[in-house]
Amino acid sequence: MKKSQGKKSVLIIVENLPLPFDRRVWQECMSLSEAGYTVSVICPKGKGYEKSYQELEGVHIYRHPLPHEGSGALGYLVEYSSALFWEFFLSLRVWRRHGFDVIQACNPPDLIFIIGLFYKIFMGKKFVFDHHDINPELYIAKFGRRDALYRLMLLLERLTFMSADMSFATNESYRSIAIERGRMDPEKVFVVRSGPSLERLKDTPPNPEWKNGRKFMVGYVGVMGAQEGLDHLLEAARIMIREKQRQDVQFVLVGGGTELEKLKEISARLGLSDYVTFTGRVPDEVLLEVLCTADVCVNPDVANEMNDKSTMNKIMEYMALGRPIVQYNLTEGRFSAQEASVYARPNDVADFTEKIEYLLNNPDKRKKMSIFGKKRVHKDLHWGIESKKYQGAYEWLLMK
């Protein structure tokens, strides 16, 4: 096992996205590296991230194959079992090559504690939980029931918190869950928000080609998943274009995901193909160009227990680039955006549509919201601020 004398090492395990594509985890890696830690990461392979090993900006990245995303009990069992096998196998490789003092597990799923607990019991390593998603609520959002699998989700979440020496929460709602449902000592739970990097999110000249010859553009960036509310967004486009006969608005949706092709089919069936552009997953320079061209940006996440308590990265990215926002009235969404957003009645697509139209028709309101959003991110919410909190939490942990 190779390890620099006196230099602390951290192994981060993330199953949801490859690195460096997962922005929160990559920013965490950079923060730890800047603070003098040796950082290794285990993550899945993905499109554009096929190398099994890569050293990038001093971070050792180990990637493993992963089956397609599960769609039922058997699918999830295959997916999670495969990931857990590769994560444990590669953790042994990292331990031999680089060593580590701490394992940080990033959910979903809430299974990586099994690996963390092994190293904690048998090798005396610290275990940290980086709480990205509240999986019991995510299960309800996807399947709409509180059955045996839901109760299993609660148990796995509880075991993860029980195993952790320290936990990161992305907002105060998640911190409350860690303390109340996870029964963690409040002293061990640190709020580190997924603040945007101001170095990455810089103003880019708009490209009118994205507007497809139209006066206005509505932008969206995010995962094309089943629980992202994109059916609401397409219905809003239909109301605006077909019912209200507004043919001066182009919708541009940036991102990839399991529902992308299905959403394209819905758009075509609604007669919206000429008014809705799906870019798929794109590099940062294209994403920035799209967002800086948009007159209004949207977050159509529906009102449910999961989305009400979750902070969406897209909101703060919109704000960092000065985009006025339309979203449903959700607790953490309102906390993040405040006056940079207008808020539709929860799950009321007609009201969501009206709020988009309201902003398109009021340039002065859009300008005020733009100024407020940029100021809030630059003052309170960017990663430079959160990075110091993250580094400070690790210092606290390793002094114990």
Protein backbone atom coordinates (compact mmCIF):
# COMPACT_ATOMS: atom_id res chain seq x y z
CA MET A 1 0.00 0.00 0.00
CA LYS A 2 1.45 3.35 -1.13
CA LYS A 3 0.67 6.44 0.87
CA SER A 4 2.44 9.75 1.38
CA GLN A 5 3.79 10.12 4.91
CA GLY A 6 1.42 12.23 7.00
CA LYS A 7 -0.91 12.96 4.08
CA LYS A 8 -4.57 12.10 4.64
CA SER A 9 -6.42 10.13 1.97
CA VAL A 10 -10.11 9.91 1.09
CA LEU A 11 -11.95 7.36 -1.03
CA ILE A 12 -15.28 8.57 -2.47
CA ILE A 13 -17.77 6.04 -3.81
CA VAL A 14 -20.60 7.26 -6.05
CA GLU A 15 -22.94 5.02 -8.03
CA ASN A 16 -25.33 7.48 -9.64
CA LEU A 17 -23.09 9.25 -12.19
CA PRO A 18 -19.54 9.02 -13.57
CA LEU A 19 -16.87 11.53 -12.69
CA PRO A 20 -16.13 14.25 -13.47
CA PHE A 21 -19.71 14.54 -14.83
CA ASP A 22 -21.21 14.48 -11.31
CA ARG A 23 -20.60 18.15 -10.52
CA ARG A 24 -21.15 18.05 -6.76
CA VAL A 25 -18.81 15.11 -6.23
CA TRP A 26 -16.19 16.53 -8.58
CA GLN A 27 -16.24 19.84 -6.71
CA GLU A 28 -15.82 17.90 -3.46
CA CYS A 29 -12.82 16.10 -4.97
CA MET A 30 -11.24 19.41 -5.96
CA SER A 31 -11.86 20.85 -2.49
CA LEU A 32 -10.20 17.90 -0.77
CA SER A 33 -7.30 17.94 -3.22
CA GLU A 34 -6.79 21.68 -2.66
CA ALA A 35 -6.73 21.02 1.09
CA GLY A 36 -3.88 18.53 0.64
CA TYR A 37 -5.73 15.20 0.67
CA THR A 38 -5.02 12.30 -1.66
CA VAL A 39 -8.36 11.63 -3.35
CA SER A 40 -9.57 8.47 -5.07
CA VAL A 41 -13.02 7.88 -6.54
CA ILE A 42 -14.99 4.79 -7.54
CA CYS A 43 -17.86 5.47 -9.93
CA PRO A 44 -19.71 3.89 -12.88
CA LYS A 45 -18.69 4.21 -16.50
CA GLY A 46 -20.85 6.34 -18.75
CA LYS A 47 -20.95 7.83 -22.22
CA GLY A 48 -17.73 9.78 -22.67
CA TYR A 49 -16.32 8.29 -19.45
CA GLU A 50 -15.34 4.79 -20.49
CA LYS A 51 -11.78 4.56 -19.13
CA SER A 52 -11.43 2.06 -16.28
CA TYR A 53 -8.74 4.21 -14.65
CA GLN A 54 -7.88 7.85 -15.12
CA GLU A 55 -5.88 10.35 -13.12
CA LEU A 56 -7.47 13.75 -13.63
CA GLU A 57 -6.20 16.88 -11.87
CA GLY A 58 -4.52 14.67 -9.28
CA VAL A 59 -7.65 12.63 -8.53
CA HIS A 60 -7.52 8.85 -9.06
CA ILE A 61 -10.74 7.78 -10.80
CA TYR A 62 -11.67 4.09 -10.97
CA ARG A 63 -14.72 3.33 -13.13
CA HIS A 64 -16.71 0.11 -13.34
CA PRO A 65 -19.37 -1.25 -15.71
CA LEU A 66 -22.98 -0.92 -14.63
CA PRO A 67 -26.11 -2.60 -16.04
CA HIS A 68 -28.92 -0.43 -17.39
CA GLU A 69 -30.97 1.37 -14.75
CA GLY A 70 -33.36 -1.02 -13.01
CA SER A 71 -37.09 -0.74 -13.65
CA GLY A 72 -38.45 -3.30 -11.18
CA ALA A 73 -37.41 -5.27 -8.11
CA LEU A 74 -35.31 -7.73 -10.15
CA GLY A 75 -33.77 -4.95 -12.24
CA TYR A 76 -32.75 -3.00 -9.17
CA LEU A 77 -31.35 -6.13 -7.53
CA VAL A 78 -29.13 -6.82 -10.55
CA GLU A 79 -28.03 -3.19 -10.84
CA TYR A 80 -27.23 -2.67 -7.16
CA SER A 81 -25.61 -6.08 -6.67
CA SER A 82 -23.32 -5.49 -9.64
CA ALA A 83 -22.38 -2.02 -8.42
CA LEU A 84 -21.71 -3.22 -4.87
CA PHE A 85 -19.46 -6.01 -6.16
CA TRP A 86 -17.39 -3.64 -8.29
CA GLU A 87 -17.24 -0.99 -5.59
CA PHE A 88 -15.87 -3.45 -3.03
CA PHE A 89 -13.44 -4.98 -5.55
CA LEU A 90 -12.11 -1.59 -6.59
CA SER A 91 -11.94 -0.37 -2.98
CA LEU A 92 -9.40 -3.12 -2.32
CA ARG A 93 -7.40 -1.93 -5.33
CA VAL A 94 -7.48 1.67 -4.10
CA TRP A 95 -6.49 0.57 -0.58
CA ARG A 96 -3.45 -1.29 -1.95
CA ARG A 97 -2.37 1.45 -4.38
CA HIS A 98 -3.14 4.70 -2.56
CA GLY A 99 -4.55 3.89 0.87
CA PHE A 100 -7.35 5.85 2.51
CA ASP A 101 -8.30 7.09 5.96
CA VAL A 102 -11.93 7.89 5.14
CA ILE A 103 -14.61 6.42 2.86
CA GLN A 104 -17.27 8.85 1.69
CA ALA A 105 -20.43 7.22 0.28
CA CYS A 106 -22.68 9.25 -2.02
CA ASN A 107 -26.21 7.93 -2.43
CA PRO A 108 -28.36 6.71 -4.15
CA PRO A 109 -28.61 3.86 -3.29
CA ASP A 110 -28.32 3.56 0.50
CA LEU A 111 -26.23 0.40 0.27
CA ILE A 112 -22.68 1.67 0.17
CA PHE A 113 -22.61 1.72 3.98
CA ILE A 114 -21.93 -2.05 3.73
CA ILE A 115 -18.48 -1.29 2.30
CA GLY A 116 -17.91 1.59 4.69
CA LEU A 117 -18.84 -0.57 7.67
CA PHE A 118 -16.42 -3.32 6.57
CA TYR A 119 -13.47 -0.92 6.55
CA LYS A 120 -14.63 0.79 9.72
CA ILE A 121 -14.85 -2.47 11.70
CA PHE A 122 -11.83 -4.32 10.32
CA MET A 123 -9.42 -1.49 9.47
CA GLY A 124 -10.49 1.41 11.67
CA LYS A 125 -11.38 3.74 8.78
CA LYS A 126 -13.83 6.63 9.12
CA PHE A 127 -17.14 6.46 7.24
CA VAL A 128 -18.86 9.58 5.87
CA PHE A 129 -22.30 9.73 4.26
CA ASP A 130 -22.92 12.38 1.58
CA HIS A 131 -26.73 12.47 1.47
CA HIS A 132 -27.75 13.39 -2.11
CA ASP A 133 -31.28 11.93 -2.28
CA ILE A 134 -33.93 10.91 0.24
CA ASN A 135 -34.53 7.45 -1.15
CA PRO A 136 -37.73 6.54 0.73
CA GLU A 137 -39.41 9.66 -0.68
CA LEU A 138 -37.86 8.97 -4.10
CA TYR A 139 -39.42 5.50 -4.02
CA ILE A 140 -42.85 7.00 -3.30
CA ALA A 141 -42.37 9.53 -6.13
CA LYS A 142 -41.56 6.73 -8.56
CA PHE A 143 -44.03 4.04 -7.48
CA GLY A 144 -46.64 5.80 -5.35
CA ARG A 145 -46.83 3.28 -2.53
CA ARG A 146 -45.54 2.62 1.01
CA ASP A 147 -45.04 -1.14 0.84
CA ALA A 148 -42.38 -3.59 2.00
CA LEU A 149 -39.77 -2.10 -0.34
CA TYR A 150 -40.49 1.36 1.04
CA ARG A 151 -39.94 0.04 4.56
CA LEU A 152 -36.70 -1.56 3.35
CA MET A 153 -35.61 1.85 2.05
CA LEU A 154 -36.22 3.33 5.50
CA LEU A 155 -34.17 0.57 7.11
CA LEU A 156 -31.24 1.00 4.72
CA GLU A 157 -31.30 4.74 5.28
CA ARG A 158 -31.30 4.20 9.06
CA LEU A 159 -28.39 1.74 8.85
CA THR A 160 -26.42 4.19 6.71
CA PHE A 161 -26.83 6.98 9.27
CA MET A 162 -26.02 4.57 12.13
CA SER A 163 -22.78 3.58 10.40
CA ALA A 164 -21.65 7.12 9.62
CA ASP A 165 -19.08 9.05 11.66
CA MET A 166 -20.24 12.20 9.88
CA SER A 167 -22.97 13.11 7.41
CA PHE A 168 -23.31 15.86 4.80
CA ALA A 169 -26.78 17.27 4.09
CA THR A 170 -27.50 19.34 1.00
CA ASN A 171 -30.01 21.55 2.86
CA GLU A 172 -31.73 22.01 6.21
CA SER A 173 -34.58 19.64 5.29
CA TYR A 174 -32.08 16.83 4.72
CA ARG A 175 -30.28 17.73 7.95
CA SER A 176 -33.57 17.35 9.84
CA ILE A 177 -34.05 13.90 8.30
CA ALA A 178 -30.55 12.85 9.37
CA ILE A 179 -31.22 13.97 12.94
CA GLU A 180 -34.86 12.94 13.36
CA ARG A 181 -35.24 9.85 11.19
CA GLY A 182 -31.56 8.86 11.09
CA ARG A 183 -31.08 9.65 14.80
CA MET A 184 -27.67 11.17 14.15
CA ASP A 185 -26.01 13.44 16.67
CA PRO A 186 -26.65 17.00 15.33
CA GLU A 187 -22.97 17.76 15.90
CA LYS A 188 -22.11 15.19 13.21
CA VAL A 189 -24.41 16.56 10.48
CA PHE A 190 -23.03 19.35 8.30
CA VAL A 191 -25.02 21.27 5.68
CA VAL A 192 -22.97 21.60 2.48
CA ARG A 193 -25.13 22.84 -0.37
CA SER A 194 -24.47 21.95 -4.02
CA GLY A 195 -23.48 25.51 -4.87
CA PRO A 196 -22.50 26.28 -8.46
CA SER A 197 -18.91 27.01 -9.41
CA LEU A 198 -18.57 30.63 -10.48
CA GLU A 199 -15.48 29.68 -12.50
CA ARG A 200 -17.57 27.24 -14.54
CA LEU A 201 -20.82 29.20 -14.86
CA LYS A 202 -19.80 32.33 -16.71
CA ASP A 203 -21.94 34.51 -18.96
CA THR A 204 -21.78 33.43 -22.59
CA PRO A 205 -22.99 35.43 -25.61
CA PRO A 206 -26.50 34.26 -26.57
CA ASN A 207 -26.91 32.32 -29.81
CA PRO A 208 -30.20 33.29 -31.53
CA GLU A 209 -30.14 30.06 -33.54
CA TRP A 210 -31.51 28.27 -30.46
CA LYS A 211 -34.67 30.38 -30.76
CA ASN A 212 -35.45 28.81 -34.12
CA GLY A 213 -36.51 32.17 -35.55
CA ARG A 214 -38.82 32.99 -32.63
CA LYS A 215 -38.83 35.99 -30.28
CA PHE A 216 -38.65 34.13 -26.96
CA MET A 217 -37.02 31.02 -25.58
CA VAL A 218 -37.80 28.93 -22.49
CA GLY A 219 -34.89 26.83 -21.23
CA TYR A 220 -34.61 23.70 -19.09
CA VAL A 221 -31.54 21.77 -17.98
CA GLY A 222 -31.59 18.52 -16.04
CA VAL A 223 -32.12 14.80 -16.08
CA MET A 224 -34.73 13.44 -18.49
CA GLY A 225 -36.26 11.12 -15.91
CA ALA A 226 -39.72 9.87 -15.00
CA GLN A 227 -40.04 12.05 -11.89
CA GLU A 228 -38.72 15.35 -13.26
CA GLY A 229 -42.13 16.75 -14.24
CA LEU A 230 -41.23 17.09 -17.90
CA ASP A 231 -44.69 15.89 -18.89
CA HIS A 232 -45.95 19.05 -17.13
CA LEU A 233 -43.52 21.17 -19.13
CA LEU A 234 -44.63 19.65 -22.44
CA GLU A 235 -48.26 20.17 -21.48
CA ALA A 236 -47.47 23.81 -20.67
CA ALA A 237 -45.89 24.15 -24.12
CA ARG A 238 -48.99 22.62 -25.69
CA ILE A 239 -51.32 25.01 -23.87
CA MET A 240 -49.22 28.00 -24.85
CA ILE A 241 -48.71 27.05 -28.49
CA ARG A 242 -51.88 25.17 -29.42
CA GLU A 243 -54.56 26.62 -27.15
CA LYS A 244 -53.28 30.17 -26.76
CA GLN A 245 -51.85 30.29 -30.29
CA ARG A 246 -48.52 31.70 -29.14
CA GLN A 247 -46.10 30.80 -31.88
CA ASP A 248 -43.33 33.14 -30.75
CA VAL A 249 -41.83 30.82 -28.12
CA GLN A 250 -39.23 28.06 -28.51
CA PHE A 251 -38.60 25.51 -25.74
CA VAL A 252 -35.07 24.06 -25.46
CA LEU A 253 -34.53 21.11 -23.11
CA VAL A 254 -30.95 20.14 -22.24
CA GLY A 255 -30.03 16.78 -20.73
CA GLY A 256 -30.06 13.05 -21.14
CA GLY A 257 -31.82 10.25 -19.30
CA THR A 258 -33.94 7.15 -19.52
CA GLU A 259 -37.08 9.06 -20.60
CA LEU A 260 -35.52 11.15 -23.38
CA GLU A 261 -36.85 9.14 -26.32
CA LYS A 262 -40.28 8.82 -24.73
CA LEU A 263 -40.44 12.58 -24.20
CA LYS A 264 -39.55 13.16 -27.84
CA GLU A 265 -42.43 10.88 -28.84
CA ILE A 266 -44.85 12.78 -26.56
CA SER A 267 -43.67 16.07 -28.04
CA ALA A 268 -44.28 14.80 -31.57
CA ARG A 269 -47.71 13.42 -30.65
CA LEU A 270 -48.69 16.83 -29.24
CA GLY A 271 -47.58 18.50 -32.46
CA LEU A 272 -44.71 20.34 -30.76
CA SER A 273 -41.68 19.00 -32.63
CA ASP A 274 -40.94 22.34 -34.30
CA TYR A 275 -41.32 24.22 -31.00
CA VAL A 276 -39.43 21.91 -28.63
CA THR A 277 -35.72 21.15 -29.05
CA PHE A 278 -34.14 18.23 -27.17
CA THR A 279 -30.36 18.60 -27.15
CA GLY A 280 -29.48 15.44 -25.21
CA ARG A 281 -26.42 15.57 -22.99
CA VAL A 282 -24.09 18.37 -24.14
CA PRO A 283 -20.69 19.80 -23.10
CA ASP A 284 -20.63 22.77 -20.73
CA GLU A 285 -19.98 25.34 -23.45
CA VAL A 286 -23.20 24.36 -25.24
CA LEU A 287 -25.19 24.23 -21.99
CA LEU A 288 -24.02 27.73 -21.08
CA GLU A 289 -24.88 29.04 -24.54
CA VAL A 290 -28.41 27.61 -24.30
CA LEU A 291 -29.07 29.01 -20.83
CA CYS A 292 -27.67 32.44 -21.69
CA THR A 293 -29.97 32.56 -24.72
CA ALA A 294 -33.10 31.69 -22.71
CA ASP A 295 -35.44 34.48 -21.64
CA VAL A 296 -36.96 32.32 -18.90
CA CYS A 297 -35.79 29.05 -17.32
CA VAL A 298 -38.07 26.50 -15.72
CA ASN A 299 -38.06 23.80 -13.09
CA PRO A 300 -41.20 21.66 -13.56
CA ASP A 301 -40.50 19.26 -10.66
CA VAL A 302 -43.89 18.24 -9.33
CA ALA A 303 -44.91 18.82 -5.74
CA ASN A 304 -44.26 15.68 -3.70
CA GLU A 305 -42.38 14.77 -0.52
CA MET A 306 -39.14 14.19 -2.42
CA ASN A 307 -39.07 17.43 -4.42
CA ASP A 308 -40.38 19.60 -1.59
CA LYS A 309 -37.39 18.70 0.58
CA SER A 310 -34.73 18.60 -2.16
CA THR A 311 -32.50 21.34 -3.53
CA MET A 312 -32.26 21.18 -7.32
CA ASN A 313 -28.88 22.12 -8.79
CA LYS A 314 -30.54 23.62 -11.86
CA ILE A 315 -32.14 26.38 -9.77
CA MET A 316 -28.83 27.79 -8.61
CA GLU A 317 -27.28 27.35 -12.06
CA TYR A 318 -30.11 29.40 -13.55
CA MET A 319 -29.57 32.06 -10.88
CA ALA A 320 -25.80 32.18 -11.40
CA LEU A 321 -26.43 33.04 -15.05
CA GLY A 322 -29.13 35.57 -14.26
CA ARG A 323 -32.07 33.61 -15.64
CA PRO A 324 -35.55 34.37 -14.19
CA ILE A 325 -37.23 31.14 -13.08
CA VAL A 326 -40.68 29.56 -13.04
CA GLN A 327 -41.25 26.62 -10.68
CA TYR A 328 -43.90 25.15 -8.43
CA ASN A 329 -44.09 26.45 -4.87
CA LEU A 330 -41.82 24.00 -3.02
CA THR A 331 -40.03 24.53 0.30
CA GLU A 332 -36.39 24.18 -0.74
CA GLY A 333 -36.93 25.59 -4.22
CA ARG A 334 -38.34 28.77 -2.67
CA PHE A 335 -35.49 28.95 -0.13
CA SER A 336 -32.88 28.79 -2.91
CA ALA A 337 -34.44 31.14 -5.45
CA GLN A 338 -36.46 33.55 -3.31
CA GLU A 339 -37.15 36.59 -5.54
CA ALA A 340 -35.33 35.11 -8.55
CA SER A 341 -38.39 32.92 -9.23
CA VAL A 342 -42.13 33.12 -9.58
CA TYR A 343 -44.08 30.24 -8.05
CA ALA A 344 -47.01 28.39 -9.58
CA ARG A 345 -49.62 26.59 -7.52
CA PRO A 346 -48.32 23.05 -6.87
CA ASN A 347 -48.97 20.71 -9.81
CA ASP A 348 -51.27 23.22 -11.55
CA VAL A 349 -50.03 23.12 -15.15
CA ALA A 350 -52.35 25.92 -16.25
CA ASP A 351 -50.94 28.22 -13.57
CA PHE A 352 -47.39 27.12 -14.47
CA THR A 353 -48.12 28.12 -18.07
CA GLU A 354 -49.52 31.48 -16.99
CA LYS A 355 -46.43 32.20 -14.92
CA ILE A 356 -44.18 31.56 -17.94
CA GLU A 357 -46.31 33.88 -20.06
CA TYR A 358 -46.29 36.52 -17.32
CA LEU A 359 -42.48 36.65 -17.34
CA LEU A 360 -42.20 36.59 -21.13
CA ASN A 361 -44.53 39.61 -21.24
CA ASN A 362 -42.69 41.56 -18.51
CA PRO A 363 -39.06 42.35 -19.38
CA ASP A 364 -38.65 44.71 -16.40
CA LYS A 365 -39.68 41.94 -14.00
CA ARG A 366 -37.26 39.54 -15.68
CA LYS A 367 -34.42 42.04 -15.29
CA LYS A 368 -35.09 42.54 -11.56
CA MET A 369 -35.22 38.78 -10.99
CA SER A 370 -31.99 38.32 -12.95
CA ILE A 371 -30.13 40.86 -10.82
CA PHE A 372 -31.47 39.37 -7.58
CA GLY A 373 -30.57 35.77 -8.55
CA LYS A 374 -27.00 36.61 -9.55
CA LYS A 375 -26.44 38.64 -6.40
CA ARG A 376 -27.79 35.87 -4.16
CA VAL A 377 -25.57 33.19 -5.71
CA HIS A 378 -22.46 35.38 -5.64
CA LYS A 379 -23.09 36.40 -2.04
CA ASP A 380 -24.49 33.28 -0.38
CA LEU A 381 -24.71 30.12 -2.48
CA HIS A 382 -21.67 29.48 -4.69
CA TRP A 383 -19.32 26.54 -4.20
CA GLY A 384 -16.46 28.72 -2.96
CA ILE A 385 -18.49 29.26 0.21
CA GLU A 386 -19.65 25.64 0.52
CA SER A 387 -16.15 24.32 -0.16
CA LYS A 388 -14.87 25.95 3.04
CA LYS A 389 -17.67 24.27 5.01
CA TYR A 390 -16.83 20.92 3.41
CA GLN A 391 -13.12 21.21 4.17
CA GLY A 392 -13.89 22.34 7.72
CA ALA A 393 -16.08 19.30 8.33
CA TYR A 394 -13.25 16.98 7.29
CA GLU A 395 -10.85 18.79 9.59
CA TRP A 396 -13.32 18.29 12.44
CA LEU A 397 -13.70 14.59 11.62
CA LEU A 398 -9.99 13.82 11.45
CA MET A 399 -9.19 15.69 14.66
CA LYS A 400 -11.55 13.42 16.64
